[in-house]
Amino acid sequence: MVEDFQDDDAGFVAWVAVNPAGCVLNIQRSHNPVDARVHAAGCGHIARAIRAAEDGTKRATSTYIKVCSVSLTERDEWSQAEIDRSSRRCPHCLIMEM
């Protein structure tokens, strides 16, 4: 199941805590895929976003929303349906099929 988090930092943080092996698509609110990336839930980029949300320095789910799934395949299917293309993988966590 794919869950998206828009203006819901607490929900996103809770989802990552429960699904540490999941994947997170970081995409513009408009669903513009130009700089969208898929990360492992445990990626340092995601951890930084969570820390910023928790300490109040930056919202994690406002300008960029988070589309999350425990299945990379389901998340890729969401991308094909919603933005008509697959999303690039983060070069740091190099998430592959789960």
Protein backbone atom coordinates (compact mmCIF):
# COMPACT_ATOMS: atom_id res chain seq x y z
CA MET A 1 0.00 0.00 0.00
CA VAL A 2 1.29 3.46 -0.92
CA GLU A 3 0.77 6.29 1.56
CA ASP A 4 1.45 9.91 0.83
CA PHE A 5 2.20 12.56 3.39
CA GLN A 6 1.43 16.17 2.59
CA ASP A 7 1.45 18.69 5.43
CA ASP A 8 1.70 15.77 7.85
CA ASP A 9 5.21 15.64 9.30
CA ALA A 10 4.09 13.69 12.38
CA GLY A 11 2.43 11.03 10.22
CA PHE A 12 5.50 10.75 8.00
CA VAL A 13 7.88 10.44 10.96
CA ALA A 14 5.63 7.77 12.50
CA TRP A 15 5.46 5.86 9.19
CA VAL A 16 9.27 5.75 8.89
CA ALA A 17 9.57 4.57 12.51
CA VAL A 18 7.21 1.66 11.81
CA ASN A 19 8.62 0.89 8.33
CA PRO A 20 12.41 1.30 8.55
CA ALA A 21 12.92 -1.00 5.55
CA GLY A 22 10.43 0.93 3.40
CA CYS A 23 11.02 3.41 0.60
CA VAL A 24 10.23 7.11 0.36
CA LEU A 25 9.69 9.16 -2.78
CA ASN A 26 10.54 12.80 -2.16
CA ILE A 27 8.62 14.78 -4.81
CA GLN A 28 7.38 18.33 -5.31
CA ARG A 29 3.87 19.00 -4.05
CA SER A 30 2.78 19.54 -7.67
CA HIS A 31 4.07 16.03 -8.53
CA ASN A 32 6.62 17.59 -10.88
CA PRO A 33 9.14 14.74 -11.21
CA VAL A 34 12.10 16.87 -12.31
CA ASP A 35 14.04 16.40 -9.07
CA ALA A 36 12.09 13.55 -7.45
CA ARG A 37 14.15 10.82 -5.79
CA VAL A 38 13.37 7.49 -4.17
CA HIS A 39 15.19 6.84 -0.91
CA ALA A 40 15.43 3.95 1.51
CA ALA A 41 13.55 4.95 4.67
CA GLY A 42 16.87 4.71 6.50
CA CYS A 43 18.74 6.98 4.07
CA GLY A 44 20.64 9.88 5.60
CA HIS A 45 18.65 12.32 3.46
CA ILE A 46 15.42 11.08 5.04
CA ALA A 47 16.97 11.10 8.51
CA ARG A 48 17.98 14.76 8.05
CA ALA A 49 14.45 15.67 6.93
CA ILE A 50 13.02 13.92 9.99
CA ARG A 51 15.44 15.67 12.37
CA ALA A 52 14.59 19.07 10.85
CA ALA A 53 10.87 18.35 11.20
CA GLU A 54 11.27 17.19 14.79
CA ASP A 55 13.30 20.23 15.85
CA GLY A 56 11.05 22.61 13.94
CA THR A 57 13.68 24.03 11.58
CA LYS A 58 12.01 22.82 8.38
CA ARG A 59 8.80 21.02 7.40
CA ALA A 60 9.36 17.62 5.80
CA THR A 61 6.03 17.33 3.99
CA SER A 62 5.17 20.80 2.74
CA THR A 63 7.06 21.93 -0.39
CA TYR A 64 8.10 18.35 -1.04
CA ILE A 65 5.68 15.59 -0.14
CA LYS A 66 6.62 12.04 0.76
CA VAL A 67 5.11 9.04 -1.01
CA CYS A 68 5.92 5.96 1.03
CA SER A 69 5.59 2.21 0.63
CA VAL A 70 7.07 -0.96 2.03
CA SER A 71 7.22 -2.22 -1.56
CA LEU A 72 9.40 -0.48 -4.11
CA THR A 73 7.32 -2.13 -6.84
CA GLU A 74 4.10 -0.57 -5.50
CA ARG A 75 5.81 2.79 -5.19
CA ASP A 76 7.10 2.51 -8.78
CA GLU A 77 3.55 1.67 -9.94
CA TRP A 78 2.36 4.86 -8.21
CA SER A 79 4.96 6.86 -10.13
CA GLN A 80 3.89 5.38 -13.45
CA ALA A 81 0.22 6.12 -12.73
CA GLU A 82 0.65 9.58 -11.18
CA ILE A 83 3.60 11.11 -13.03
CA ASP A 84 3.88 8.76 -16.04
CA ARG A 85 7.48 7.85 -15.38
CA SER A 86 9.67 6.06 -12.91
CA SER A 87 11.60 8.06 -10.35
CA ARG A 88 15.34 8.14 -10.02
CA ARG A 89 16.94 6.38 -7.10
CA CYS A 90 19.02 8.23 -4.53
CA PRO A 91 22.69 7.81 -5.45
CA HIS A 92 23.65 7.69 -1.76
CA CYS A 93 21.47 4.87 -0.50
CA LEU A 94 21.21 3.21 -3.94
CA ILE A 95 17.87 1.64 -3.10
CA MET A 96 17.08 -1.36 -5.25
CA GLU A 97 14.18 -3.83 -5.30
CA MET A 98 13.10 -4.78 -1.81
